Amino acid sequence: MHVEAPSAEATDWLQIFLLYTELHVRHPTPIVALNRAVAAGFAGRPEVGLRALAEPEVAAALVDYPGFYLARGELLRRVGEVAAARGCFERAAGLTDNAQVRGAAARQLQALANQA
């Protein structure tokens, strides 16, 4: 799994996604849904993650949570929705004073700028 993998690239994201799916069945919280969505994206299924984040109870519960927008932005970037991804990263940065979150959003925005 994640901590056992020799590198991020070698992480078994499908297994993590499946475990979060089982957890979500047993304990359906917005944060579990968010983590499941991220795992789906890293497992090569960003559209699955985006559908999970679009669920009204998830989106409404996490509307002011910067991590929601960082995750959604990454998933949008993976499906080629660059403008929407940019908006998510900007929203994440605007929701927090946390330097690490702002830095993550800034790095993502820079990566998008470098893609263009």
PDB file of N, CA and C in Angstrom:
ATOM      1  N   MET A   1       0.823  -1.175   0.000  1.00  0.00           N
ATOM      2  CA  MET A   1       0.000   0.000   0.000  1.00  0.00           C
ATOM      3  C   MET A   1       0.875   1.250   0.000  1.00  0.00           C
ATOM      4  N   HIS A   2       0.290   2.367   0.353  1.00  0.00           N
ATOM      5  CA  HIS A   2       0.971   3.652   0.215  1.00  0.00           C
ATOM      6  C   HIS A   2       2.281   3.701   1.000  1.00  0.00           C
ATOM      7  N   VAL A   3       2.256   3.369   2.255  1.00  0.00           N
ATOM      8  CA  VAL A   3       3.468   3.459   3.073  1.00  0.00           C
ATOM      9  C   VAL A   3       4.431   2.328   2.783  1.00  0.00           C
ATOM     10  N   GLU A   4       3.953   1.256   2.160  1.00  0.00           N
ATOM     11  CA  GLU A   4       4.803   0.114   1.849  1.00  0.00           C
ATOM     12  C   GLU A   4       5.460   0.225   0.476  1.00  0.00           C
ATOM     13  N   ALA A   5       4.953   1.087  -0.376  1.00  0.00           N
ATOM     14  CA  ALA A   5       5.464   1.196  -1.741  1.00  0.00           C
ATOM     15  C   ALA A   5       6.841   1.847  -1.740  1.00  0.00           C
ATOM     16  N   PRO A   6       7.734   1.374  -2.601  1.00  0.00           N
ATOM     17  CA  PRO A   6       9.072   1.964  -2.676  1.00  0.00           C
ATOM     18  C   PRO A   6       9.075   3.390  -3.232  1.00  0.00           C
ATOM     19  N   SER A   7       8.003   3.772  -3.924  1.00  0.00           N
ATOM     20  CA  SER A   7       7.887   5.123  -4.469  1.00  0.00           C
ATOM     21  C   SER A   7       6.407   5.446  -4.650  1.00  0.00           C
ATOM     22  N   ALA A   8       6.115   6.725  -4.851  1.00  0.00           N
ATOM     23  CA  ALA A   8       4.723   7.125  -5.090  1.00  0.00           C
ATOM     24  C   ALA A   8       4.174   6.456  -6.344  1.00  0.00           C
ATOM     25  N   GLU A   9       5.016   6.326  -7.356  1.00  0.00           N
ATOM     26  CA  GLU A   9       4.591   5.722  -8.614  1.00  0.00           C
ATOM     27  C   GLU A   9       4.254   4.247  -8.442  1.00  0.00           C
ATOM     28  N   ALA A  10       4.892   3.590  -7.486  1.00  0.00           N
ATOM     29  CA  ALA A  10       4.670   2.161  -7.274  1.00  0.00           C
ATOM     30  C   ALA A  10       3.512   1.873  -6.320  1.00  0.00           C
ATOM     31  N   THR A  11       2.870   2.905  -5.820  1.00  0.00           N
ATOM     32  CA  THR A  11       1.753   2.733  -4.901  1.00  0.00           C
ATOM     33  C   THR A  11       0.604   2.025  -5.608  1.00  0.00           C
ATOM     34  N   ASP A  12      -0.014   1.083  -4.932  1.00  0.00           N
ATOM     35  CA  ASP A  12      -1.153   0.356  -5.478  1.00  0.00           C
ATOM     36  C   ASP A  12      -2.424   1.170  -5.221  1.00  0.00           C
ATOM     37  N   TRP A  13      -2.636   2.178  -6.066  1.00  0.00           N
ATOM     38  CA  TRP A  13      -3.761   3.082  -5.876  1.00  0.00           C
ATOM     39  C   TRP A  13      -5.103   2.398  -6.056  1.00  0.00           C
ATOM     40  N   LEU A  14      -5.150   1.371  -6.905  1.00  0.00           N
ATOM     41  CA  LEU A  14      -6.406   0.646  -7.062  1.00  0.00           C
ATOM     42  C   LEU A  14      -6.787  -0.029  -5.743  1.00  0.00           C
ATOM     43  N   GLN A  15      -5.835  -0.624  -5.079  1.00  0.00           N
ATOM     44  CA  GLN A  15      -6.105  -1.257  -3.790  1.00  0.00           C
ATOM     45  C   GLN A  15      -6.557  -0.209  -2.766  1.00  0.00           C
ATOM     46  N   ILE A  16      -5.916   0.937  -2.752  1.00  0.00           N
ATOM     47  CA  ILE A  16      -6.317   2.005  -1.831  1.00  0.00           C
ATOM     48  C   ILE A  16      -7.735   2.470  -2.147  1.00  0.00           C
ATOM     49  N   PHE A  17      -8.039   2.617  -3.434  1.00  0.00           N
ATOM     50  CA  PHE A  17      -9.395   2.990  -3.846  1.00  0.00           C
ATOM     51  C   PHE A  17     -10.407   1.961  -3.354  1.00  0.00           C
ATOM     52  N   LEU A  18     -10.101   0.686  -3.525  1.00  0.00           N
ATOM     53  CA  LEU A  18     -11.023  -0.366  -3.092  1.00  0.00           C
ATOM     54  C   LEU A  18     -11.221  -0.355  -1.578  1.00  0.00           C
ATOM     55  N   LEU A  19     -10.155  -0.102  -0.843  1.00  0.00           N
ATOM     56  CA  LEU A  19     -10.265  -0.026   0.612  1.00  0.00           C
ATOM     57  C   LEU A  19     -11.106   1.179   1.033  1.00  0.00           C
ATOM     58  N   TYR A  20     -10.896   2.318   0.376  1.00  0.00           N
ATOM     59  CA  TYR A  20     -11.727   3.489   0.689  1.00  0.00           C
ATOM     60  C   TYR A  20     -13.182   3.256   0.286  1.00  0.00           C
ATOM     61  N   THR A  21     -13.400   2.498  -0.770  1.00  0.00           N
ATOM     62  CA  THR A  21     -14.767   2.164  -1.164  1.00  0.00           C
ATOM     63  C   THR A  21     -15.440   1.365  -0.057  1.00  0.00           C
ATOM     64  N   GLU A  22     -14.741   0.385   0.471  1.00  0.00           N
ATOM     65  CA  GLU A  22     -15.291  -0.423   1.573  1.00  0.00           C
ATOM     66  C   GLU A  22     -15.519   0.446   2.809  1.00  0.00           C
ATOM     67  N   LEU A  23     -14.570   1.314   3.113  1.00  0.00           N
ATOM     68  CA  LEU A  23     -14.744   2.208   4.259  1.00  0.00           C
ATOM     69  C   LEU A  23     -15.946   3.121   4.056  1.00  0.00           C
ATOM     70  N   HIS A  24     -16.111   3.598   2.826  1.00  0.00           N
ATOM     71  CA  HIS A  24     -17.231   4.489   2.530  1.00  0.00           C
ATOM     72  C   HIS A  24     -18.571   3.784   2.703  1.00  0.00           C
ATOM     73  N   VAL A  25     -18.622   2.512   2.403  1.00  0.00           N
ATOM     74  CA  VAL A  25     -19.845   1.737   2.617  1.00  0.00           C
ATOM     75  C   VAL A  25     -20.153   1.675   4.112  1.00  0.00           C
ATOM     76  N   ARG A  26     -19.121   1.483   4.914  1.00  0.00           N
ATOM     77  CA  ARG A  26     -19.304   1.328   6.358  1.00  0.00           C
ATOM     78  C   ARG A  26     -19.389   2.663   7.103  1.00  0.00           C
ATOM     79  N   HIS A  27     -18.711   3.669   6.589  1.00  0.00           N
ATOM     80  CA  HIS A  27     -18.618   4.959   7.283  1.00  0.00           C
ATOM     81  C   HIS A  27     -18.645   6.082   6.237  1.00  0.00           C
ATOM     82  N   PRO A  28     -19.805   6.358   5.676  1.00  0.00           N
ATOM     83  CA  PRO A  28     -19.899   7.312   4.558  1.00  0.00           C
ATOM     84  C   PRO A  28     -19.830   8.774   5.002  1.00  0.00           C
ATOM     85  N   THR A  29     -18.616   9.271   5.143  1.00  0.00           N
ATOM     86  CA  THR A  29     -18.434  10.677   5.494  1.00  0.00           C
ATOM     87  C   THR A  29     -17.876  11.429   4.290  1.00  0.00           C
ATOM     88  N   PRO A  30     -18.020  12.733   4.272  1.00  0.00           N
ATOM     89  CA  PRO A  30     -17.454  13.513   3.163  1.00  0.00           C
ATOM     90  C   PRO A  30     -15.935  13.359   3.028  1.00  0.00           C
ATOM     91  N   ILE A  31     -15.215  13.256   4.146  1.00  0.00           N
ATOM     92  CA  ILE A  31     -13.760  13.115   4.063  1.00  0.00           C
ATOM     93  C   ILE A  31     -13.371  11.748   3.504  1.00  0.00           C
ATOM     94  N   VAL A  32     -14.087  10.711   3.874  1.00  0.00           N
ATOM     95  CA  VAL A  32     -13.822   9.393   3.287  1.00  0.00           C
ATOM     96  C   VAL A  32     -14.098   9.448   1.790  1.00  0.00           C
ATOM     97  N   ALA A  33     -15.185  10.107   1.401  1.00  0.00           N
ATOM     98  CA  ALA A  33     -15.497  10.256  -0.025  1.00  0.00           C
ATOM     99  C   ALA A  33     -14.396  11.026  -0.746  1.00  0.00           C
ATOM    100  N   LEU A  34     -13.868  12.056  -0.109  1.00  0.00           N
ATOM    101  CA  LEU A  34     -12.781  12.839  -0.697  1.00  0.00           C
ATOM    102  C   LEU A  34     -11.540  11.966  -0.896  1.00  0.00           C
ATOM    103  N   ASN A  35     -11.172  11.222   0.116  1.00  0.00           N
ATOM    104  CA  ASN A  35      -9.996  10.357   0.007  1.00  0.00           C
ATOM    105  C   ASN A  35     -10.197   9.262  -1.039  1.00  0.00           C
ATOM    106  N   ARG A  36     -11.405   8.735  -1.120  1.00  0.00           N
ATOM    107  CA  ARG A  36     -11.725   7.732  -2.143  1.00  0.00           C
ATOM    108  C   ARG A  36     -11.594   8.346  -3.538  1.00  0.00           C
ATOM    109  N   ALA A  37     -12.052   9.585  -3.689  1.00  0.00           N
ATOM    110  CA  ALA A  37     -11.971  10.274  -4.985  1.00  0.00           C
ATOM    111  C   ALA A  37     -10.519  10.483  -5.398  1.00  0.00           C
ATOM    112  N   VAL A  38      -9.685  10.888  -4.466  1.00  0.00           N
ATOM    113  CA  VAL A  38      -8.261  11.079  -4.761  1.00  0.00           C
ATOM    114  C   VAL A  38      -7.631   9.764  -5.190  1.00  0.00           C
ATOM    115  N   ALA A  39      -7.923   8.699  -4.452  1.00  0.00           N
ATOM    116  CA  ALA A  39      -7.372   7.388  -4.802  1.00  0.00           C
ATOM    117  C   ALA A  39      -7.834   6.956  -6.191  1.00  0.00           C
ATOM    118  N   ALA A  40      -9.091   7.229  -6.526  1.00  0.00           N
ATOM    119  CA  ALA A  40      -9.593   6.902  -7.868  1.00  0.00           C
ATOM    120  C   ALA A  40      -8.781   7.628  -8.935  1.00  0.00           C
ATOM    121  N   GLY A  41      -8.503   8.899  -8.694  1.00  0.00           N
ATOM    122  CA  GLY A  41      -7.717   9.672  -9.656  1.00  0.00           C
ATOM    123  C   GLY A  41      -6.322   9.113  -9.849  1.00  0.00           C
ATOM    124  N   PHE A  42      -5.676   8.782  -8.765  1.00  0.00           N
ATOM    125  CA  PHE A  42      -4.326   8.237  -8.866  1.00  0.00           C
ATOM    126  C   PHE A  42      -4.328   6.820  -9.430  1.00  0.00           C
ATOM    127  N   ALA A  43      -5.474   6.132  -9.346  1.00  0.00           N
ATOM    128  CA  ALA A  43      -5.603   4.796  -9.925  1.00  0.00           C
ATOM    129  C   ALA A  43      -5.952   4.868 -11.415  1.00  0.00           C
ATOM    130  N   GLY A  44      -5.974   6.076 -11.958  1.00  0.00           N
ATOM    131  CA  GLY A  44      -6.240   6.235 -13.381  1.00  0.00           C
ATOM    132  C   GLY A  44      -7.700   6.438 -13.728  1.00  0.00           C
ATOM    133  N   ARG A  45      -8.527   6.708 -12.737  1.00  0.00           N
ATOM    134  CA  ARG A  45      -9.955   6.915 -12.975  1.00  0.00           C
ATOM    135  C   ARG A  45     -10.416   8.259 -12.428  1.00  0.00           C
ATOM    136  N   PRO A  46      -9.848   9.363 -12.914  1.00  0.00           N
ATOM    137  CA  PRO A  46     -10.224  10.669 -12.371  1.00  0.00           C
ATOM    138  C   PRO A  46     -11.702  10.990 -12.531  1.00  0.00           C
ATOM    139  N   GLU A  47     -12.332  10.472 -13.574  1.00  0.00           N
ATOM    140  CA  GLU A  47     -13.757  10.735 -13.769  1.00  0.00           C
ATOM    141  C   GLU A  47     -14.595  10.119 -12.648  1.00  0.00           C
ATOM    142  N   VAL A  48     -14.148   8.990 -12.111  1.00  0.00           N
ATOM    143  CA  VAL A  48     -14.838   8.376 -10.971  1.00  0.00           C
ATOM    144  C   VAL A  48     -14.711   9.286  -9.752  1.00  0.00           C
ATOM    145  N   GLY A  49     -13.513   9.815  -9.549  1.00  0.00           N
ATOM    146  CA  GLY A  49     -13.293  10.734  -8.440  1.00  0.00           C
ATOM    147  C   GLY A  49     -14.123  11.998  -8.569  1.00  0.00           C
ATOM    148  N   LEU A  50     -14.201  12.537  -9.773  1.00  0.00           N
ATOM    149  CA  LEU A  50     -14.993  13.753  -9.993  1.00  0.00           C
ATOM    150  C   LEU A  50     -16.474  13.513  -9.720  1.00  0.00           C
ATOM    151  N   ARG A  51     -16.981  12.353 -10.120  1.00  0.00           N
ATOM    152  CA  ARG A  51     -18.388  12.036  -9.829  1.00  0.00           C
ATOM    153  C   ARG A  51     -18.619  11.953  -8.325  1.00  0.00           C
ATOM    154  N   ALA A  52     -17.668  11.367  -7.617  1.00  0.00           N
ATOM    155  CA  ALA A  52     -17.809  11.253  -6.157  1.00  0.00           C
ATOM    156  C   ALA A  52     -17.824  12.636  -5.510  1.00  0.00           C
ATOM    157  N   LEU A  53     -16.964  13.531  -5.975  1.00  0.00           N
ATOM    158  CA  LEU A  53     -16.905  14.874  -5.399  1.00  0.00           C
ATOM    159  C   LEU A  53     -18.118  15.717  -5.782  1.00  0.00           C
ATOM    160  N   ALA A  54     -18.791  15.351  -6.852  1.00  0.00           N
ATOM    161  CA  ALA A  54     -19.975  16.085  -7.290  1.00  0.00           C
ATOM    162  C   ALA A  54     -21.239  15.675  -6.533  1.00  0.00           C
ATOM    163  N   GLU A  55     -21.163  14.603  -5.761  1.00  0.00           N
ATOM    164  CA  GLU A  55     -22.326  14.195  -4.960  1.00  0.00           C
ATOM    165  C   GLU A  55     -22.721  15.362  -4.057  1.00  0.00           C
ATOM    166  N   PRO A  56     -23.999  15.738  -4.065  1.00  0.00           N
ATOM    167  CA  PRO A  56     -24.417  16.930  -3.309  1.00  0.00           C
ATOM    168  C   PRO A  56     -24.007  16.933  -1.838  1.00  0.00           C
ATOM    169  N   GLU A  57     -24.109  15.794  -1.165  1.00  0.00           N
ATOM    170  CA  GLU A  57     -23.768  15.778   0.258  1.00  0.00           C
ATOM    171  C   GLU A  57     -22.269  15.954   0.485  1.00  0.00           C
ATOM    172  N   VAL A  58     -21.452  15.543  -0.451  1.00  0.00           N
ATOM    173  CA  VAL A  58     -20.002  15.728  -0.338  1.00  0.00           C
ATOM    174  C   VAL A  58     -19.646  17.172  -0.652  1.00  0.00           C
ATOM    175  N   ALA A  59     -20.097  17.660  -1.797  1.00  0.00           N
ATOM    176  CA  ALA A  59     -19.783  19.028  -2.215  1.00  0.00           C
ATOM    177  C   ALA A  59     -20.276  20.057  -1.197  1.00  0.00           C
ATOM    178  N   ALA A  60     -21.470  19.867  -0.675  1.00  0.00           N
ATOM    179  CA  ALA A  60     -22.016  20.824   0.289  1.00  0.00           C
ATOM    180  C   ALA A  60     -21.241  20.796   1.601  1.00  0.00           C
ATOM    181  N   ALA A  61     -20.868  19.616   2.042  1.00  0.00           N
ATOM    182  CA  ALA A  61     -20.152  19.497   3.320  1.00  0.00           C
ATOM    183  C   ALA A  61     -18.741  20.063   3.242  1.00  0.00           C
ATOM    184  N   LEU A  62     -18.140  20.019   2.053  1.00  0.00           N
ATOM    185  CA  LEU A  62     -16.735  20.426   1.909  1.00  0.00           C
ATOM    186  C   LEU A  62     -16.570  21.749   1.164  1.00  0.00           C
ATOM    187  N   VAL A  63     -17.633  22.519   1.031  1.00  0.00           N
ATOM    188  CA  VAL A  63     -17.614  23.751   0.244  1.00  0.00           C
ATOM    189  C   VAL A  63     -16.568  24.754   0.722  1.00  0.00           C
ATOM    190  N   ASP A  64     -16.220  24.738   1.988  1.00  0.00           N
ATOM    191  CA  ASP A  64     -15.224  25.668   2.526  1.00  0.00           C
ATOM    192  C   ASP A  64     -13.917  24.978   2.911  1.00  0.00           C
ATOM    193  N   TYR A  65     -13.708  23.751   2.441  1.00  0.00           N
ATOM    194  CA  TYR A  65     -12.524  22.964   2.790  1.00  0.00           C
ATOM    195  C   TYR A  65     -11.503  23.040   1.651  1.00  0.00           C
ATOM    196  N   PRO A  66     -10.351  23.662   1.866  1.00  0.00           N
ATOM    197  CA  PRO A  66      -9.378  23.818   0.781  1.00  0.00           C
ATOM    198  C   PRO A  66      -8.952  22.497   0.142  1.00  0.00           C
ATOM    199  N   GLY A  67      -8.866  21.443   0.938  1.00  0.00           N
ATOM    200  CA  GLY A  67      -8.463  20.143   0.402  1.00  0.00           C
ATOM    201  C   GLY A  67      -9.415  19.616  -0.658  1.00  0.00           C
ATOM    202  N   PHE A  68     -10.673  19.967  -0.547  1.00  0.00           N
ATOM    203  CA  PHE A  68     -11.661  19.585  -1.560  1.00  0.00           C
ATOM    204  C   PHE A  68     -11.264  20.179  -2.910  1.00  0.00           C
ATOM    205  N   TYR A  69     -10.887  21.446  -2.894  1.00  0.00           N
ATOM    206  CA  TYR A  69     -10.553  22.130  -4.148  1.00  0.00           C
ATOM    207  C   TYR A  69      -9.195  21.694  -4.700  1.00  0.00           C
ATOM    208  N   LEU A  70      -8.258  21.372  -3.818  1.00  0.00           N
ATOM    209  CA  LEU A  70      -6.986  20.822  -4.300  1.00  0.00           C
ATOM    210  C   LEU A  70      -7.222  19.487  -4.995  1.00  0.00           C
ATOM    211  N   ALA A  71      -8.022  18.632  -4.369  1.00  0.00           N
ATOM    212  CA  ALA A  71      -8.312  17.323  -4.955  1.00  0.00           C
ATOM    213  C   ALA A  71      -9.098  17.462  -6.250  1.00  0.00           C
ATOM    214  N   ARG A  72     -10.128  18.263  -6.221  1.00  0.00           N
ATOM    215  CA  ARG A  72     -10.952  18.445  -7.424  1.00  0.00           C
ATOM    216  C   ARG A  72     -10.126  19.041  -8.562  1.00  0.00           C
ATOM    217  N   GLY A  73      -9.260  20.004  -8.231  1.00  0.00           N
ATOM    218  CA  GLY A  73      -8.398  20.594  -9.244  1.00  0.00           C
ATOM    219  C   GLY A  73      -7.480  19.572  -9.880  1.00  0.00           C
ATOM    220  N   GLU A  74      -6.914  18.708  -9.068  1.00  0.00           N
ATOM    221  CA  GLU A  74      -6.033  17.661  -9.603  1.00  0.00           C
ATOM    222  C   GLU A  74      -6.802  16.715 -10.516  1.00  0.00           C
ATOM    223  N   LEU A  75      -7.990  16.325 -10.105  1.00  0.00           N
ATOM    224  CA  LEU A  75      -8.799  15.432 -10.946  1.00  0.00           C
ATOM    225  C   LEU A  75      -9.196  16.115 -12.247  1.00  0.00           C
ATOM    226  N   LEU A  76      -9.569  17.382 -12.159  1.00  0.00           N
ATOM    227  CA  LEU A  76      -9.913  18.130 -13.375  1.00  0.00           C
ATOM    228  C   LEU A  76      -8.707  18.255 -14.303  1.00  0.00           C
ATOM    229  N   ARG A  77      -7.533  18.492 -13.736  1.00  0.00           N
ATOM    230  CA  ARG A  77      -6.320  18.568 -14.550  1.00  0.00           C
ATOM    231  C   ARG A  77      -6.088  17.254 -15.279  1.00  0.00           C
ATOM    232  N   ARG A  78      -6.331  16.157 -14.594  1.00  0.00           N
ATOM    233  CA  ARG A  78      -6.106  14.839 -15.193  1.00  0.00           C
ATOM    234  C   ARG A  78      -7.053  14.528 -16.346  1.00  0.00           C
ATOM    235  N   VAL A  79      -8.234  15.171 -16.365  1.00  0.00           N
ATOM    236  CA  VAL A  79      -9.148  14.954 -17.491  1.00  0.00           C
ATOM    237  C   VAL A  79      -9.057  16.071 -18.518  1.00  0.00           C
ATOM    238  N   GLY A  80      -8.091  16.966 -18.343  1.00  0.00           N
ATOM    239  CA  GLY A  80      -7.850  18.012 -19.330  1.00  0.00           C
ATOM    240  C   GLY A  80      -8.673  19.270 -19.164  1.00  0.00           C
ATOM    241  N   GLU A  81      -9.354  19.429 -18.063  1.00  0.00           N
ATOM    242  CA  GLU A  81     -10.166  20.623 -17.800  1.00  0.00           C
ATOM    243  C   GLU A  81      -9.309  21.672 -17.084  1.00  0.00           C
ATOM    244  N   VAL A  82      -8.389  22.264 -17.828  1.00  0.00           N
ATOM    245  CA  VAL A  82      -7.372  23.140 -17.254  1.00  0.00           C
ATOM    246  C   VAL A  82      -7.970  24.389 -16.612  1.00  0.00           C
ATOM    247  N   ALA A  83      -8.900  25.049 -17.279  1.00  0.00           N
ATOM    248  CA  ALA A  83      -9.482  26.278 -16.722  1.00  0.00           C
ATOM    249  C   ALA A  83     -10.221  25.991 -15.417  1.00  0.00           C
ATOM    250  N   ALA A  84     -10.977  24.910 -15.390  1.00  0.00           N
ATOM    251  CA  ALA A  84     -11.697  24.547 -14.170  1.00  0.00           C
ATOM    252  C   ALA A  84     -10.722  24.160 -13.060  1.00  0.00           C
ATOM    253  N   ALA A  85      -9.660  23.462 -13.430  1.00  0.00           N
ATOM    254  CA  ALA A  85      -8.638  23.089 -12.441  1.00  0.00           C
ATOM    255  C   ALA A  85      -8.006  24.335 -11.849  1.00  0.00           C
ATOM    256  N   ARG A  86      -7.679  25.287 -12.703  1.00  0.00           N
ATOM    257  CA  ARG A  86      -7.090  26.547 -12.241  1.00  0.00           C
ATOM    258  C   ARG A  86      -8.011  27.227 -11.220  1.00  0.00           C
ATOM    259  N   GLY A  87      -9.292  27.268 -11.522  1.00  0.00           N
ATOM    260  CA  GLY A  87     -10.249  27.864 -10.601  1.00  0.00           C
ATOM    261  C   GLY A  87     -10.276  27.158  -9.256  1.00  0.00           C
ATOM    262  N   CYS A  88     -10.159  25.854  -9.269  1.00  0.00           N
ATOM    263  CA  CYS A  88     -10.146  25.097  -8.013  1.00  0.00           C
ATOM    264  C   CYS A  88      -8.897  25.405  -7.194  1.00  0.00           C
ATOM    265  N   PHE A  89      -7.749  25.465  -7.846  1.00  0.00           N
ATOM    266  CA  PHE A  89      -6.517  25.753  -7.108  1.00  0.00           C
ATOM    267  C   PHE A  89      -6.541  27.173  -6.548  1.00  0.00           C
ATOM    268  N   GLU A  90      -7.093  28.098  -7.306  1.00  0.00           N
ATOM    269  CA  GLU A  90      -7.222  29.473  -6.809  1.00  0.00           C
ATOM    270  C   GLU A  90      -8.182  29.524  -5.620  1.00  0.00           C
ATOM    271  N   ARG A  91      -9.263  28.779  -5.700  1.00  0.00           N
ATOM    272  CA  ARG A  91     -10.234  28.737  -4.594  1.00  0.00           C
ATOM    273  C   ARG A  91      -9.589  28.131  -3.341  1.00  0.00           C
ATOM    274  N   ALA A  92      -8.818  27.063  -3.515  1.00  0.00           N
ATOM    275  CA  ALA A  92      -8.148  26.433  -2.368  1.00  0.00           C
ATOM    276  C   ALA A  92      -7.244  27.438  -1.669  1.00  0.00           C
ATOM    277  N   ALA A  93      -6.467  28.174  -2.450  1.00  0.00           N
ATOM    278  CA  ALA A  93      -5.555  29.163  -1.872  1.00  0.00           C
ATOM    279  C   ALA A  93      -6.317  30.273  -1.166  1.00  0.00           C
ATOM    280  N   GLY A  94      -7.441  30.656  -1.720  1.00  0.00           N
ATOM    281  CA  GLY A  94      -8.231  31.733  -1.139  1.00  0.00           C
ATOM    282  C   GLY A  94      -8.975  31.361   0.128  1.00  0.00           C
ATOM    283  N   LEU A  95      -9.090  30.078   0.391  1.00  0.00           N
ATOM    284  CA  LEU A  95      -9.833  29.620   1.563  1.00  0.00           C
ATOM    285  C   LEU A  95      -8.978  29.452   2.817  1.00  0.00           C
ATOM    286  N   THR A  96      -7.670  29.648   2.682  1.00  0.00           N
ATOM    287  CA  THR A  96      -6.820  29.312   3.822  1.00  0.00           C
ATOM    288  C   THR A  96      -5.690  30.306   4.016  1.00  0.00           C
ATOM    289  N   ASP A  97      -5.208  30.346   5.243  1.00  0.00           N
ATOM    290  CA  ASP A  97      -3.980  31.073   5.561  1.00  0.00           C
ATOM    291  C   ASP A  97      -2.835  30.093   5.770  1.00  0.00           C
ATOM    292  N   ASN A  98      -3.117  28.799   5.646  1.00  0.00           N
ATOM    293  CA  ASN A  98      -2.118  27.753   5.840  1.00  0.00           C
ATOM    294  C   ASN A  98      -1.084  27.810   4.711  1.00  0.00           C
ATOM    295  N   ALA A  99       0.167  28.014   5.083  1.00  0.00           N
ATOM    296  CA  ALA A  99       1.237  28.175   4.091  1.00  0.00           C
ATOM    297  C   ALA A  99       1.431  26.920   3.248  1.00  0.00           C
ATOM    298  N   GLN A 100       1.256  25.752   3.835  1.00  0.00           N
ATOM    299  CA  GLN A 100       1.446  24.514   3.071  1.00  0.00           C
ATOM    300  C   GLN A 100       0.357  24.355   2.012  1.00  0.00           C
ATOM    301  N   VAL A 101      -0.867  24.648   2.372  1.00  0.00           N
ATOM    302  CA  VAL A 101      -1.965  24.540   1.408  1.00  0.00           C
ATOM    303  C   VAL A 101      -1.799  25.586   0.313  1.00  0.00           C
ATOM    304  N   ARG A 102      -1.464  26.804   0.719  1.00  0.00           N
ATOM    305  CA  ARG A 102      -1.234  27.856  -0.285  1.00  0.00           C
ATOM    306  C   ARG A 102      -0.076  27.478  -1.215  1.00  0.00           C
ATOM    307  N   GLY A 103       0.964  26.893  -0.650  1.00  0.00           N
ATOM    308  CA  GLY A 103       2.100  26.454  -1.461  1.00  0.00           C
ATOM    309  C   GLY A 103       1.716  25.358  -2.442  1.00  0.00           C
ATOM    310  N   ALA A 104       0.915  24.402  -1.985  1.00  0.00           N
ATOM    311  CA  ALA A 104       0.459  23.327  -2.870  1.00  0.00           C
ATOM    312  C   ALA A 104      -0.366  23.896  -4.015  1.00  0.00           C
ATOM    313  N   ALA A 105      -1.250  24.819  -3.703  1.00  0.00           N
ATOM    314  CA  ALA A 105      -2.073  25.442  -4.739  1.00  0.00           C
ATOM    315  C   ALA A 105      -1.194  26.228  -5.721  1.00  0.00           C
ATOM    316  N   ALA A 106      -0.225  26.946  -5.195  1.00  0.00           N
ATOM    317  CA  ALA A 106       0.674  27.732  -6.059  1.00  0.00           C
ATOM    318  C   ALA A 106       1.483  26.821  -6.978  1.00  0.00           C
ATOM    319  N   ARG A 107       1.959  25.704  -6.452  1.00  0.00           N
ATOM    320  CA  ARG A 107       2.720  24.748  -7.288  1.00  0.00           C
ATOM    321  C   ARG A 107       1.839  24.183  -8.399  1.00  0.00           C
ATOM    322  N   GLN A 108       0.600  23.888  -8.075  1.00  0.00           N
ATOM    323  CA  GLN A 108      -0.315  23.374  -9.082  1.00  0.00           C
ATOM    324  C   GLN A 108      -0.603  24.429 -10.155  1.00  0.00           C
ATOM    325  N   LEU A 109      -0.808  25.657  -9.718  1.00  0.00           N
ATOM    326  CA  LEU A 109      -1.045  26.737 -10.678  1.00  0.00           C
ATOM    327  C   LEU A 109       0.166  26.951 -11.576  1.00  0.00           C
ATOM    328  N   GLN A 110       1.355  26.874 -11.004  1.00  0.00           N
ATOM    329  CA  GLN A 110       2.570  27.020 -11.809  1.00  0.00           C
ATOM    330  C   GLN A 110       2.703  25.881 -12.812  1.00  0.00           C
ATOM    331  N   ALA A 111       2.390  24.673 -12.368  1.00  0.00           N
ATOM    332  CA  ALA A 111       2.452  23.522 -13.279  1.00  0.00           C
ATOM    333  C   ALA A 111       1.479  23.695 -14.435  1.00  0.00           C
ATOM    334  N   LEU A 112       0.299  24.220 -14.146  1.00  0.00           N
ATOM    335  CA  LEU A 112      -0.668  24.469 -15.229  1.00  0.00           C
ATOM    336  C   LEU A 112      -0.151  25.535 -16.183  1.00  0.00           C
ATOM    337  N   ALA A 113       0.472  26.579 -15.647  1.00  0.00           N
ATOM    338  CA  ALA A 113       1.024  27.642 -16.487  1.00  0.00           C
ATOM    339  C   ALA A 113       2.130  27.093 -17.376  1.00  0.00           C
ATOM    340  N   ASN A 114       2.916  26.171 -16.841  1.00  0.00           N
ATOM    341  CA  ASN A 114       4.014  25.582 -17.621  1.00  0.00           C
ATOM    342  C   ASN A 114       3.512  24.649 -18.712  1.00  0.00           C
ATOM    343  N   GLN A 115       2.306  24.104 -18.543  1.00  0.00           N
ATOM    344  CA  GLN A 115       1.717  23.225 -19.554  1.00  0.00           C
ATOM    345  C   GLN A 115       1.271  23.991 -20.777  1.00  0.00           C
ATOM    346  N   ALA A 116       0.871  25.238 -20.568  1.00  0.00           N
ATOM    347  CA  ALA A 116       0.306  26.019 -21.676  1.00  0.00           C
ATOM    348  C   ALA A 116       1.327  26.406 -22.698  1.00  0.00           C
TER     349      ALA A 116
END
